[in-house]
N, C-alpha and C. Protein backbone atom coordinates (compact mmCIF):
# COMPACT_ATOMS: atom_id res chain seq x y z
N MET A 1 22.93 -6.17 14.54
CA MET A 1 22.05 -6.29 13.36
C MET A 1 22.89 -6.61 12.12
N LYS A 2 22.41 -7.55 11.33
CA LYS A 2 23.12 -7.91 10.09
C LYS A 2 23.08 -6.73 9.12
N ARG A 3 24.22 -6.46 8.51
CA ARG A 3 24.28 -5.40 7.52
C ARG A 3 23.43 -5.77 6.31
N PHE A 4 22.84 -4.74 5.69
CA PHE A 4 21.97 -5.00 4.55
C PHE A 4 22.75 -5.59 3.39
N GLN A 5 24.03 -5.28 3.30
CA GLN A 5 24.83 -5.79 2.19
C GLN A 5 24.79 -7.31 2.12
N HIS A 6 24.75 -7.99 3.27
CA HIS A 6 24.69 -9.44 3.28
C HIS A 6 23.36 -9.94 2.71
N ILE A 7 22.28 -9.26 3.05
CA ILE A 7 20.95 -9.63 2.54
C ILE A 7 20.89 -9.37 1.04
N PHE A 8 21.45 -8.24 0.63
CA PHE A 8 21.48 -7.89 -0.79
C PHE A 8 22.24 -8.94 -1.61
N GLN A 9 23.39 -9.35 -1.11
CA GLN A 9 24.19 -10.34 -1.83
C GLN A 9 23.46 -11.67 -1.94
N ARG A 10 22.78 -12.06 -0.87
CA ARG A 10 22.03 -13.32 -0.90
C ARG A 10 20.90 -13.25 -1.92
N ALA A 11 20.18 -12.14 -1.95
CA ALA A 11 19.09 -11.98 -2.91
C ALA A 11 19.62 -12.00 -4.34
N ARG A 12 20.73 -11.34 -4.57
CA ARG A 12 21.33 -11.31 -5.91
C ARG A 12 21.73 -12.71 -6.35
N ASP A 13 22.31 -13.48 -5.45
CA ASP A 13 22.72 -14.84 -5.79
C ASP A 13 21.50 -15.73 -6.07
N LEU A 14 20.49 -15.61 -5.24
CA LEU A 14 19.30 -16.45 -5.39
C LEU A 14 18.50 -16.12 -6.65
N GLN A 15 18.52 -14.85 -7.05
CA GLN A 15 17.67 -14.42 -8.16
C GLN A 15 18.41 -14.36 -9.50
N GLY A 16 19.64 -14.84 -9.54
CA GLY A 16 20.32 -14.95 -10.82
C GLY A 16 21.14 -13.76 -11.24
N GLY A 17 21.53 -12.92 -10.30
CA GLY A 17 22.42 -11.82 -10.64
C GLY A 17 21.79 -10.45 -10.51
N GLN A 18 22.63 -9.44 -10.67
CA GLN A 18 22.21 -8.06 -10.46
C GLN A 18 21.12 -7.63 -11.45
N ALA A 19 21.29 -7.96 -12.72
CA ALA A 19 20.32 -7.50 -13.73
C ALA A 19 18.94 -8.09 -13.46
N SER A 20 18.92 -9.36 -13.11
CA SER A 20 17.65 -10.02 -12.80
C SER A 20 17.00 -9.38 -11.58
N LEU A 21 17.79 -9.11 -10.56
CA LEU A 21 17.26 -8.50 -9.33
C LEU A 21 16.74 -7.10 -9.62
N ASP A 22 17.46 -6.34 -10.41
CA ASP A 22 17.03 -4.98 -10.75
C ASP A 22 15.66 -4.98 -11.42
N GLY A 23 15.41 -5.99 -12.24
CA GLY A 23 14.13 -6.06 -12.96
C GLY A 23 12.95 -6.39 -12.08
N MET A 24 13.20 -6.78 -10.85
CA MET A 24 12.13 -7.14 -9.93
C MET A 24 11.77 -6.00 -8.98
N MET A 25 12.44 -4.87 -9.10
CA MET A 25 12.21 -3.79 -8.15
C MET A 25 10.93 -3.02 -8.47
N PRO A 26 10.18 -2.62 -7.43
CA PRO A 26 8.94 -1.87 -7.65
C PRO A 26 9.22 -0.43 -8.08
N MET A 27 8.22 0.17 -8.69
CA MET A 27 8.30 1.56 -9.13
C MET A 27 8.26 2.49 -7.93
N VAL A 28 9.12 3.49 -7.95
CA VAL A 28 9.08 4.56 -6.95
C VAL A 28 8.93 5.88 -7.70
N ARG A 29 7.84 6.58 -7.45
CA ARG A 29 7.57 7.83 -8.16
C ARG A 29 8.08 9.02 -7.35
N SER A 30 8.37 10.09 -8.04
CA SER A 30 8.87 11.30 -7.39
C SER A 30 7.77 11.95 -6.57
N PRO A 31 8.14 12.73 -5.54
CA PRO A 31 7.13 13.47 -4.79
C PRO A 31 6.25 14.34 -5.68
N ARG A 32 6.84 14.92 -6.69
CA ARG A 32 6.04 15.77 -7.59
C ARG A 32 4.99 14.95 -8.33
N ALA A 33 5.39 13.79 -8.83
CA ALA A 33 4.44 12.93 -9.54
C ALA A 33 3.32 12.46 -8.61
N LEU A 34 3.69 12.08 -7.39
CA LEU A 34 2.68 11.67 -6.42
C LEU A 34 1.72 12.81 -6.12
N GLY A 35 2.28 14.00 -5.94
CA GLY A 35 1.45 15.16 -5.60
C GLY A 35 0.48 15.54 -6.71
N GLN A 36 0.82 15.18 -7.94
CA GLN A 36 -0.04 15.53 -9.08
C GLN A 36 -1.07 14.44 -9.40
N THR A 37 -1.00 13.32 -8.70
CA THR A 37 -1.95 12.23 -8.94
C THR A 37 -3.33 12.62 -8.44
N LYS A 38 -4.32 12.50 -9.28
CA LYS A 38 -5.67 12.95 -8.95
C LYS A 38 -6.30 12.04 -7.90
N ASP A 39 -7.21 12.64 -7.13
CA ASP A 39 -7.83 11.92 -6.03
C ASP A 39 -8.60 10.68 -6.48
N ASP A 40 -9.18 10.71 -7.68
CA ASP A 40 -9.95 9.54 -8.13
C ASP A 40 -9.05 8.31 -8.30
N ARG A 41 -7.76 8.54 -8.64
CA ARG A 41 -6.85 7.39 -8.79
C ARG A 41 -6.48 6.81 -7.42
N TRP A 42 -6.42 7.65 -6.41
CA TRP A 42 -6.18 7.14 -5.07
C TRP A 42 -7.35 6.30 -4.58
N LEU A 43 -8.57 6.78 -4.83
CA LEU A 43 -9.75 6.01 -4.42
C LEU A 43 -9.85 4.71 -5.20
N ALA A 44 -9.51 4.74 -6.48
CA ALA A 44 -9.54 3.52 -7.29
C ALA A 44 -8.55 2.49 -6.73
N GLN A 45 -7.36 2.93 -6.39
CA GLN A 45 -6.36 2.00 -5.87
C GLN A 45 -6.75 1.48 -4.49
N MET A 46 -7.31 2.33 -3.65
CA MET A 46 -7.81 1.85 -2.36
C MET A 46 -8.85 0.77 -2.57
N THR A 47 -9.77 1.00 -3.48
CA THR A 47 -10.84 0.03 -3.74
C THR A 47 -10.26 -1.28 -4.25
N ARG A 48 -9.34 -1.19 -5.17
CA ARG A 48 -8.74 -2.40 -5.73
C ARG A 48 -8.05 -3.22 -4.65
N CYS A 49 -7.26 -2.57 -3.80
CA CYS A 49 -6.53 -3.29 -2.76
C CYS A 49 -7.46 -3.85 -1.70
N VAL A 50 -8.51 -3.11 -1.36
CA VAL A 50 -9.48 -3.61 -0.38
C VAL A 50 -10.18 -4.85 -0.90
N PHE A 51 -10.56 -4.85 -2.15
CA PHE A 51 -11.24 -6.03 -2.71
C PHE A 51 -10.28 -7.19 -2.93
N GLN A 52 -9.00 -6.90 -3.15
CA GLN A 52 -8.02 -7.98 -3.30
C GLN A 52 -7.73 -8.66 -1.98
N ALA A 53 -7.89 -7.93 -0.87
CA ALA A 53 -7.57 -8.49 0.44
C ALA A 53 -8.46 -9.69 0.75
N GLY A 54 -7.85 -10.84 0.97
CA GLY A 54 -8.60 -12.05 1.29
C GLY A 54 -9.35 -12.63 0.11
N PHE A 55 -9.01 -12.22 -1.11
CA PHE A 55 -9.72 -12.70 -2.29
C PHE A 55 -8.70 -13.05 -3.38
N VAL A 56 -9.18 -13.67 -4.41
CA VAL A 56 -8.31 -14.05 -5.54
C VAL A 56 -8.05 -12.81 -6.40
N TRP A 57 -6.81 -12.40 -6.46
CA TRP A 57 -6.47 -11.15 -7.15
C TRP A 57 -6.87 -11.17 -8.62
N ARG A 58 -6.72 -12.30 -9.27
CA ARG A 58 -7.00 -12.34 -10.71
C ARG A 58 -8.47 -12.09 -11.00
N VAL A 59 -9.35 -12.44 -10.06
CA VAL A 59 -10.78 -12.17 -10.24
C VAL A 59 -11.04 -10.67 -10.16
N VAL A 60 -10.40 -10.01 -9.19
CA VAL A 60 -10.53 -8.56 -9.07
C VAL A 60 -10.00 -7.89 -10.32
N ASN A 61 -8.84 -8.33 -10.79
CA ASN A 61 -8.25 -7.74 -12.00
C ASN A 61 -9.15 -7.96 -13.21
N TYR A 62 -9.75 -9.13 -13.31
CA TYR A 62 -10.63 -9.45 -14.44
C TYR A 62 -11.86 -8.53 -14.45
N LYS A 63 -12.36 -8.22 -13.27
CA LYS A 63 -13.57 -7.41 -13.17
C LYS A 63 -13.28 -5.91 -13.05
N TRP A 64 -12.01 -5.52 -13.10
CA TRP A 64 -11.70 -4.15 -12.75
C TRP A 64 -12.33 -3.13 -13.69
N GLU A 65 -12.42 -3.41 -14.97
CA GLU A 65 -13.06 -2.48 -15.89
C GLU A 65 -14.51 -2.23 -15.47
N GLY A 66 -15.16 -3.29 -14.98
CA GLY A 66 -16.52 -3.14 -14.48
C GLY A 66 -16.58 -2.24 -13.26
N PHE A 67 -15.63 -2.37 -12.37
CA PHE A 67 -15.56 -1.48 -11.20
C PHE A 67 -15.46 -0.01 -11.64
N GLU A 68 -14.56 0.24 -12.59
CA GLU A 68 -14.37 1.62 -13.05
C GLU A 68 -15.66 2.18 -13.66
N ASP A 69 -16.38 1.35 -14.41
CA ASP A 69 -17.62 1.81 -15.03
C ASP A 69 -18.74 2.01 -14.00
N VAL A 70 -18.90 1.04 -13.11
CA VAL A 70 -19.99 1.10 -12.13
C VAL A 70 -19.82 2.32 -11.22
N PHE A 71 -18.59 2.61 -10.84
CA PHE A 71 -18.34 3.73 -9.94
C PHE A 71 -17.86 4.97 -10.69
N PHE A 72 -18.22 5.03 -11.98
CA PHE A 72 -17.95 6.15 -12.88
C PHE A 72 -16.59 6.82 -12.66
N GLY A 73 -15.56 5.98 -12.56
CA GLY A 73 -14.19 6.48 -12.49
C GLY A 73 -13.73 6.90 -11.11
N PHE A 74 -14.51 6.64 -10.09
CA PHE A 74 -14.14 6.87 -8.68
C PHE A 74 -13.90 8.33 -8.29
N PRO A 75 -14.68 9.29 -8.77
CA PRO A 75 -14.51 10.66 -8.24
C PRO A 75 -15.05 10.72 -6.82
N PRO A 76 -14.22 11.04 -5.83
CA PRO A 76 -14.68 11.01 -4.44
C PRO A 76 -15.89 11.89 -4.18
N GLU A 77 -15.93 13.06 -4.82
CA GLU A 77 -17.02 14.00 -4.57
C GLU A 77 -18.37 13.45 -5.03
N LYS A 78 -18.37 12.55 -5.99
CA LYS A 78 -19.61 11.91 -6.44
C LYS A 78 -19.93 10.67 -5.61
N ILE A 79 -18.90 9.93 -5.25
CA ILE A 79 -19.12 8.70 -4.49
C ILE A 79 -19.75 9.01 -3.13
N VAL A 80 -19.33 10.09 -2.49
CA VAL A 80 -19.90 10.41 -1.17
C VAL A 80 -21.37 10.80 -1.25
N MET A 81 -21.83 11.16 -2.43
CA MET A 81 -23.23 11.57 -2.60
C MET A 81 -24.17 10.40 -2.89
N LEU A 82 -23.63 9.19 -3.04
CA LEU A 82 -24.49 8.05 -3.32
C LEU A 82 -25.45 7.79 -2.17
N SER A 83 -26.69 7.52 -2.50
CA SER A 83 -27.70 7.22 -1.49
C SER A 83 -27.58 5.76 -1.04
N PRO A 84 -28.15 5.40 0.11
CA PRO A 84 -28.14 3.99 0.53
C PRO A 84 -28.75 3.06 -0.53
N ASP A 85 -29.80 3.52 -1.22
CA ASP A 85 -30.40 2.69 -2.28
C ASP A 85 -29.42 2.47 -3.42
N GLN A 86 -28.69 3.51 -3.81
CA GLN A 86 -27.69 3.37 -4.87
C GLN A 86 -26.57 2.43 -4.44
N ILE A 87 -26.13 2.55 -3.20
CA ILE A 87 -25.11 1.65 -2.69
C ILE A 87 -25.59 0.21 -2.76
N ASP A 88 -26.83 -0.02 -2.37
CA ASP A 88 -27.38 -1.38 -2.42
C ASP A 88 -27.42 -1.91 -3.85
N ARG A 89 -27.80 -1.06 -4.80
CA ARG A 89 -27.84 -1.49 -6.20
C ARG A 89 -26.45 -1.79 -6.72
N PHE A 90 -25.52 -0.92 -6.40
CA PHE A 90 -24.14 -1.14 -6.84
C PHE A 90 -23.59 -2.43 -6.26
N ALA A 91 -23.93 -2.69 -5.00
CA ALA A 91 -23.41 -3.89 -4.33
C ALA A 91 -23.95 -5.17 -4.93
N GLN A 92 -25.04 -5.09 -5.68
CA GLN A 92 -25.63 -6.26 -6.32
C GLN A 92 -25.29 -6.36 -7.81
N ASN A 93 -24.50 -5.43 -8.30
CA ASN A 93 -24.18 -5.40 -9.72
C ASN A 93 -23.21 -6.54 -10.04
N PRO A 94 -23.55 -7.43 -10.98
CA PRO A 94 -22.68 -8.56 -11.29
C PRO A 94 -21.38 -8.16 -11.97
N ARG A 95 -21.25 -6.90 -12.38
CA ARG A 95 -20.01 -6.47 -13.03
C ARG A 95 -18.88 -6.26 -12.02
N ILE A 96 -19.24 -6.19 -10.73
CA ILE A 96 -18.22 -6.08 -9.70
C ILE A 96 -18.30 -7.29 -8.78
N ILE A 97 -17.45 -7.34 -7.77
CA ILE A 97 -17.54 -8.39 -6.75
C ILE A 97 -18.55 -7.94 -5.72
N ARG A 98 -19.59 -8.73 -5.54
CA ARG A 98 -20.73 -8.28 -4.74
C ARG A 98 -20.50 -8.51 -3.25
N ASN A 99 -19.89 -7.52 -2.65
CA ASN A 99 -19.61 -7.54 -1.21
C ASN A 99 -20.04 -6.18 -0.66
N ARG A 100 -21.20 -6.13 -0.02
CA ARG A 100 -21.79 -4.86 0.39
C ARG A 100 -20.90 -4.11 1.37
N GLN A 101 -20.29 -4.80 2.32
CA GLN A 101 -19.46 -4.12 3.30
C GLN A 101 -18.27 -3.43 2.66
N LYS A 102 -17.67 -4.09 1.68
CA LYS A 102 -16.55 -3.46 0.99
C LYS A 102 -17.01 -2.31 0.08
N VAL A 103 -18.20 -2.46 -0.49
CA VAL A 103 -18.76 -1.35 -1.28
C VAL A 103 -19.00 -0.14 -0.39
N LEU A 104 -19.52 -0.36 0.81
CA LEU A 104 -19.70 0.73 1.76
C LEU A 104 -18.36 1.39 2.09
N GLY A 105 -17.32 0.58 2.13
CA GLY A 105 -15.99 1.10 2.40
C GLY A 105 -15.50 2.07 1.32
N ILE A 106 -15.96 1.90 0.09
CA ILE A 106 -15.57 2.82 -0.98
C ILE A 106 -16.05 4.22 -0.64
N GLN A 107 -17.28 4.32 -0.16
CA GLN A 107 -17.83 5.63 0.19
C GLN A 107 -17.08 6.23 1.39
N ALA A 108 -16.75 5.38 2.36
CA ALA A 108 -16.00 5.86 3.53
C ALA A 108 -14.62 6.36 3.12
N ASN A 109 -13.97 5.66 2.20
CA ASN A 109 -12.65 6.09 1.76
C ASN A 109 -12.72 7.33 0.87
N ALA A 110 -13.82 7.50 0.16
CA ALA A 110 -14.02 8.74 -0.59
C ALA A 110 -14.08 9.93 0.36
N GLN A 111 -14.77 9.76 1.49
CA GLN A 111 -14.84 10.83 2.48
C GLN A 111 -13.47 11.08 3.11
N PHE A 112 -12.74 10.03 3.38
CA PHE A 112 -11.37 10.15 3.91
C PHE A 112 -10.52 10.99 2.97
N ILE A 113 -10.58 10.70 1.68
CA ILE A 113 -9.79 11.44 0.70
C ILE A 113 -10.22 12.90 0.65
N LEU A 114 -11.51 13.15 0.67
CA LEU A 114 -11.99 14.54 0.63
C LEU A 114 -11.56 15.32 1.87
N ASP A 115 -11.61 14.67 3.03
CA ASP A 115 -11.18 15.34 4.26
C ASP A 115 -9.70 15.71 4.19
N VAL A 116 -8.87 14.77 3.72
CA VAL A 116 -7.44 15.04 3.61
C VAL A 116 -7.18 16.12 2.55
N THR A 117 -7.93 16.08 1.47
CA THR A 117 -7.78 17.09 0.42
C THR A 117 -8.09 18.48 0.95
N GLU A 118 -9.12 18.59 1.77
CA GLU A 118 -9.46 19.88 2.36
C GLU A 118 -8.34 20.37 3.27
N GLU A 119 -7.67 19.46 3.94
CA GLU A 119 -6.60 19.82 4.86
C GLU A 119 -5.28 20.13 4.16
N HIS A 120 -5.00 19.42 3.04
CA HIS A 120 -3.66 19.48 2.45
C HIS A 120 -3.64 19.88 0.97
N GLY A 121 -4.78 20.15 0.38
CA GLY A 121 -4.81 20.54 -1.02
C GLY A 121 -5.17 19.42 -1.95
N SER A 122 -4.65 18.24 -1.69
CA SER A 122 -5.02 17.02 -2.41
C SER A 122 -4.47 15.84 -1.62
N PHE A 123 -5.04 14.67 -1.86
CA PHE A 123 -4.55 13.49 -1.17
C PHE A 123 -3.13 13.18 -1.61
N GLY A 124 -2.85 13.38 -2.89
CA GLY A 124 -1.51 13.12 -3.41
C GLY A 124 -0.46 14.01 -2.77
N LYS A 125 -0.78 15.26 -2.54
CA LYS A 125 0.17 16.16 -1.88
C LYS A 125 0.45 15.69 -0.46
N PHE A 126 -0.59 15.25 0.23
CA PHE A 126 -0.42 14.75 1.59
C PHE A 126 0.54 13.57 1.62
N ILE A 127 0.32 12.62 0.72
CA ILE A 127 1.18 11.42 0.67
C ILE A 127 2.59 11.79 0.25
N SER A 128 2.71 12.67 -0.72
CA SER A 128 4.04 13.01 -1.25
C SER A 128 4.92 13.69 -0.22
N ARG A 129 4.31 14.40 0.72
CA ARG A 129 5.07 15.15 1.71
C ARG A 129 5.39 14.33 2.96
N TRP A 130 4.82 13.13 3.06
CA TRP A 130 5.04 12.35 4.27
C TRP A 130 6.45 11.79 4.28
N PRO A 131 7.20 11.97 5.37
CA PRO A 131 8.60 11.52 5.42
C PRO A 131 8.72 10.00 5.44
N VAL A 132 9.60 9.47 4.62
CA VAL A 132 9.73 8.01 4.50
C VAL A 132 10.33 7.38 5.75
N HIS A 133 10.99 8.18 6.60
CA HIS A 133 11.55 7.60 7.81
C HIS A 133 10.48 7.36 8.89
N ASP A 134 9.23 7.73 8.60
CA ASP A 134 8.13 7.50 9.53
C ASP A 134 6.92 6.92 8.80
N MET A 135 7.15 5.89 8.01
CA MET A 135 6.03 5.30 7.28
C MET A 135 5.00 4.68 8.22
N ILE A 136 5.44 4.20 9.37
CA ILE A 136 4.47 3.59 10.28
C ILE A 136 3.47 4.62 10.79
N GLY A 137 3.86 5.89 10.82
CA GLY A 137 2.91 6.94 11.16
C GLY A 137 1.84 7.09 10.10
N LEU A 138 2.24 6.98 8.84
CA LEU A 138 1.28 7.05 7.74
C LEU A 138 0.39 5.81 7.72
N PHE A 139 0.98 4.65 8.00
CA PHE A 139 0.16 3.43 8.08
C PHE A 139 -0.94 3.61 9.13
N ALA A 140 -0.59 4.21 10.25
CA ALA A 140 -1.56 4.40 11.34
C ALA A 140 -2.70 5.31 10.91
N ILE A 141 -2.38 6.36 10.15
CA ILE A 141 -3.42 7.27 9.66
C ILE A 141 -4.33 6.56 8.67
N MET A 142 -3.76 5.78 7.77
CA MET A 142 -4.55 5.03 6.79
C MET A 142 -5.53 4.11 7.52
N LYS A 143 -5.04 3.45 8.56
CA LYS A 143 -5.88 2.50 9.30
C LYS A 143 -6.97 3.23 10.08
N LYS A 144 -6.62 4.33 10.74
CA LYS A 144 -7.56 5.03 11.60
C LYS A 144 -8.62 5.80 10.83
N ARG A 145 -8.21 6.48 9.77
CA ARG A 145 -9.13 7.37 9.08
C ARG A 145 -9.76 6.74 7.84
N GLY A 146 -9.13 5.71 7.32
CA GLY A 146 -9.69 5.04 6.15
C GLY A 146 -10.53 3.85 6.56
N SER A 147 -11.08 3.18 5.57
CA SER A 147 -11.89 1.98 5.79
C SER A 147 -11.17 0.77 5.22
N ARG A 148 -10.87 -0.21 6.07
CA ARG A 148 -10.21 -1.44 5.67
C ARG A 148 -8.82 -1.19 5.08
N LEU A 149 -8.15 -0.17 5.57
CA LEU A 149 -6.82 0.18 5.05
C LEU A 149 -5.71 -0.12 6.05
N GLY A 150 -6.00 -0.94 7.05
CA GLY A 150 -4.97 -1.35 7.98
C GLY A 150 -4.10 -2.45 7.40
N GLY A 151 -3.03 -2.78 8.12
CA GLY A 151 -2.16 -3.88 7.72
C GLY A 151 -1.58 -3.68 6.33
N MET A 152 -1.45 -4.77 5.61
CA MET A 152 -0.81 -4.71 4.30
C MET A 152 -1.68 -4.04 3.24
N THR A 153 -2.98 -3.91 3.48
CA THR A 153 -3.84 -3.29 2.48
C THR A 153 -3.44 -1.84 2.24
N GLY A 154 -3.35 -1.06 3.31
CA GLY A 154 -2.92 0.33 3.16
C GLY A 154 -1.50 0.44 2.63
N GLN A 155 -0.64 -0.46 3.08
CA GLN A 155 0.74 -0.46 2.61
C GLN A 155 0.80 -0.72 1.10
N ARG A 156 -0.03 -1.63 0.62
CA ARG A 156 -0.05 -1.95 -0.81
C ARG A 156 -0.60 -0.78 -1.63
N VAL A 157 -1.57 -0.08 -1.09
CA VAL A 157 -2.07 1.11 -1.79
C VAL A 157 -0.91 2.08 -2.04
N LEU A 158 -0.16 2.35 -0.99
CA LEU A 158 0.96 3.29 -1.11
C LEU A 158 2.02 2.78 -2.08
N ARG A 159 2.37 1.50 -1.96
CA ARG A 159 3.38 0.92 -2.87
C ARG A 159 2.90 0.96 -4.31
N ASN A 160 1.67 0.56 -4.55
CA ASN A 160 1.15 0.50 -5.92
C ASN A 160 1.07 1.88 -6.56
N MET A 161 0.87 2.90 -5.74
CA MET A 161 0.80 4.25 -6.28
C MET A 161 2.19 4.89 -6.44
N GLY A 162 3.23 4.20 -5.96
CA GLY A 162 4.58 4.68 -6.17
C GLY A 162 5.21 5.37 -4.99
N LYS A 163 4.53 5.38 -3.82
CA LYS A 163 5.16 5.93 -2.61
C LYS A 163 6.26 4.98 -2.17
N ASP A 164 7.39 5.54 -1.77
CA ASP A 164 8.52 4.73 -1.33
C ASP A 164 8.21 4.16 0.05
N THR A 165 7.89 2.87 0.12
CA THR A 165 7.50 2.27 1.39
C THR A 165 7.85 0.80 1.44
N PHE A 166 8.06 0.30 2.64
CA PHE A 166 8.18 -1.13 2.83
C PHE A 166 6.80 -1.74 3.03
N ILE A 167 6.71 -3.05 2.85
CA ILE A 167 5.47 -3.77 3.11
C ILE A 167 5.82 -4.97 4.00
N THR A 168 5.02 -5.19 5.01
CA THR A 168 5.30 -6.27 5.96
C THR A 168 4.69 -7.59 5.47
N THR A 169 5.13 -8.03 4.30
CA THR A 169 4.69 -9.32 3.78
C THR A 169 5.28 -10.44 4.63
N PRO A 170 4.73 -11.65 4.55
CA PRO A 170 5.30 -12.76 5.31
C PRO A 170 6.78 -12.98 5.03
N ASP A 171 7.20 -12.82 3.77
CA ASP A 171 8.62 -13.02 3.45
C ASP A 171 9.50 -11.93 4.06
N VAL A 172 9.02 -10.70 4.04
CA VAL A 172 9.78 -9.61 4.65
C VAL A 172 9.89 -9.83 6.16
N VAL A 173 8.80 -10.25 6.77
CA VAL A 173 8.81 -10.52 8.20
C VAL A 173 9.80 -11.63 8.53
N ARG A 174 9.81 -12.69 7.73
CA ARG A 174 10.75 -13.79 7.98
C ARG A 174 12.19 -13.33 7.83
N CYS A 175 12.44 -12.48 6.85
CA CYS A 175 13.79 -11.93 6.67
C CYS A 175 14.22 -11.15 7.91
N LEU A 176 13.32 -10.35 8.44
CA LEU A 176 13.62 -9.54 9.62
C LEU A 176 13.80 -10.42 10.85
N GLN A 177 13.01 -11.47 10.95
CA GLN A 177 13.17 -12.39 12.08
C GLN A 177 14.52 -13.09 12.02
N ARG A 178 14.96 -13.41 10.81
CA ARG A 178 16.24 -14.11 10.65
C ARG A 178 17.42 -13.28 11.11
N ILE A 179 17.30 -11.96 11.03
CA ILE A 179 18.42 -11.12 11.47
C ILE A 179 18.29 -10.78 12.96
N GLY A 180 17.28 -11.38 13.61
CA GLY A 180 17.17 -11.25 15.05
C GLY A 180 16.16 -10.24 15.55
N LEU A 181 15.35 -9.68 14.66
CA LEU A 181 14.36 -8.70 15.11
C LEU A 181 13.27 -9.40 15.92
N ASP A 182 12.93 -8.85 17.06
CA ASP A 182 11.96 -9.45 17.98
C ASP A 182 10.54 -9.05 17.58
N ILE A 183 10.04 -9.71 16.53
CA ILE A 183 8.69 -9.44 16.04
C ILE A 183 7.99 -10.77 15.79
N GLY A 184 6.65 -10.73 15.83
CA GLY A 184 5.87 -11.92 15.59
C GLY A 184 5.61 -12.14 14.11
N GLU A 185 4.83 -13.19 13.81
CA GLU A 185 4.53 -13.53 12.42
C GLU A 185 3.67 -12.45 11.76
N ASN A 186 2.85 -11.77 12.55
CA ASN A 186 1.98 -10.71 12.03
C ASN A 186 2.20 -9.45 12.87
N PRO A 187 3.30 -8.74 12.61
CA PRO A 187 3.65 -7.59 13.47
C PRO A 187 2.71 -6.41 13.27
N THR A 188 1.96 -6.11 14.30
CA THR A 188 1.01 -4.99 14.22
C THR A 188 1.13 -4.04 15.40
N SER A 189 1.84 -4.44 16.45
CA SER A 189 1.94 -3.57 17.63
C SER A 189 2.84 -2.38 17.32
N LYS A 190 2.67 -1.32 18.10
CA LYS A 190 3.49 -0.12 17.91
C LYS A 190 4.96 -0.44 18.11
N ARG A 191 5.26 -1.31 19.07
CA ARG A 191 6.65 -1.69 19.34
C ARG A 191 7.25 -2.42 18.14
N GLU A 192 6.52 -3.40 17.60
CA GLU A 192 7.03 -4.18 16.48
C GLU A 192 7.22 -3.31 15.24
N LEU A 193 6.23 -2.48 14.95
CA LEU A 193 6.34 -1.62 13.77
C LEU A 193 7.47 -0.61 13.93
N GLY A 194 7.68 -0.16 15.17
CA GLY A 194 8.79 0.75 15.43
C GLY A 194 10.13 0.08 15.17
N LEU A 195 10.27 -1.18 15.57
CA LEU A 195 11.50 -1.92 15.31
C LEU A 195 11.73 -2.08 13.80
N ILE A 196 10.66 -2.37 13.08
CA ILE A 196 10.78 -2.55 11.63
C ILE A 196 11.19 -1.23 10.97
N GLN A 197 10.53 -0.14 11.35
CA GLN A 197 10.87 1.16 10.77
C GLN A 197 12.33 1.52 11.06
N HIS A 198 12.76 1.29 12.28
CA HIS A 198 14.15 1.60 12.66
C HIS A 198 15.14 0.80 11.82
N THR A 199 14.81 -0.47 11.59
CA THR A 199 15.69 -1.33 10.79
C THR A 199 15.78 -0.82 9.36
N PHE A 200 14.64 -0.50 8.77
CA PHE A 200 14.65 0.01 7.40
C PHE A 200 15.34 1.36 7.32
N ASN A 201 15.20 2.19 8.34
CA ASN A 201 15.91 3.47 8.34
C ASN A 201 17.43 3.24 8.31
N GLU A 202 17.90 2.29 9.11
CA GLU A 202 19.33 2.01 9.15
C GLU A 202 19.81 1.43 7.83
N TRP A 203 19.03 0.52 7.25
CA TRP A 203 19.43 -0.08 5.97
C TRP A 203 19.39 0.94 4.84
N HIS A 204 18.46 1.88 4.92
CA HIS A 204 18.41 2.94 3.91
C HIS A 204 19.66 3.82 4.00
N GLU A 205 20.07 4.13 5.23
CA GLU A 205 21.29 4.92 5.42
C GLU A 205 22.51 4.15 4.91
N GLU A 206 22.54 2.85 5.15
CA GLU A 206 23.67 2.03 4.73
C GLU A 206 23.77 1.91 3.22
N SER A 207 22.63 1.65 2.58
CA SER A 207 22.63 1.29 1.16
C SER A 207 22.32 2.44 0.21
N GLY A 208 21.58 3.44 0.69
CA GLY A 208 21.13 4.50 -0.20
C GLY A 208 19.98 4.10 -1.10
N LEU A 209 19.47 2.88 -0.93
CA LEU A 209 18.38 2.38 -1.76
C LEU A 209 17.03 2.86 -1.25
N PRO A 210 16.03 2.95 -2.13
CA PRO A 210 14.67 3.27 -1.68
C PRO A 210 14.15 2.20 -0.72
N TYR A 211 13.28 2.59 0.17
CA TYR A 211 12.68 1.65 1.11
C TYR A 211 11.94 0.53 0.37
N SER A 212 11.27 0.88 -0.72
CA SER A 212 10.55 -0.13 -1.50
C SER A 212 11.48 -1.21 -2.02
N HIS A 213 12.66 -0.82 -2.48
CA HIS A 213 13.62 -1.77 -3.02
C HIS A 213 14.22 -2.62 -1.90
N ILE A 214 14.51 -1.99 -0.77
CA ILE A 214 15.04 -2.74 0.37
C ILE A 214 14.03 -3.80 0.81
N SER A 215 12.77 -3.43 0.85
CA SER A 215 11.71 -4.37 1.25
C SER A 215 11.62 -5.55 0.28
N ARG A 216 11.66 -5.26 -1.02
CA ARG A 216 11.57 -6.32 -2.02
C ARG A 216 12.80 -7.22 -1.96
N ILE A 217 13.97 -6.63 -1.80
CA ILE A 217 15.20 -7.41 -1.71
C ILE A 217 15.15 -8.33 -0.49
N CYS A 218 14.62 -7.84 0.62
CA CYS A 218 14.44 -8.69 1.81
C CYS A 218 13.64 -9.93 1.44
N ALA A 219 12.51 -9.73 0.78
CA ALA A 219 11.64 -10.84 0.42
C ALA A 219 12.33 -11.81 -0.52
N LEU A 220 13.14 -11.28 -1.42
CA LEU A 220 13.81 -12.11 -2.43
C LEU A 220 15.07 -12.78 -1.90
N SER A 221 15.43 -12.48 -0.66
CA SER A 221 16.66 -13.07 -0.10
C SER A 221 16.41 -14.42 0.55
N LEU A 222 15.15 -14.88 0.59
CA LEU A 222 14.84 -16.14 1.25
C LEU A 222 14.93 -17.30 0.27
């Protein structure tokens, strides 16, 4: 396996030096900060990433204030109480993107958050305590128990909220393929994800860098 130092040097050269590369790194929040993040912010981020999936992000961003207003700030305990008629009305509101199936997913993810909160005290505490050397285990839970949170959608939720995680973007996958990892263009199997996790674990041990930064540097090395 190619040492991460070689990938890091290539990314630094391509992106114009160390200072430029440093400015491109994603935010990584402390476990304490993650644990203190309220459940409504987790549901809001899930909703945003679900609606961005397969859609033009700038449209979602443009309408986001409308989403916050229509769903009254995304408190999970209120969202789960919405009636089918209310869901139908919300799904037709021009202030949001009118996709009924994704709107239904908001309610399903609200229930997911409440279930985890009952088990662990809060959704943020659950995420903050999850070990970074087994992110694929967390990805699996997001996919199984959440709605439309498989693949990069769930990964982006975690990254955007500041959890230290890699994301299997096309550029990251190509970087991993270049160093000889036996994975496909869209790695989703347990075997492929295990190989990716193992690689990031080794690179984390080598470099001491957060997984999020290693992932971004991989993408920027192409």
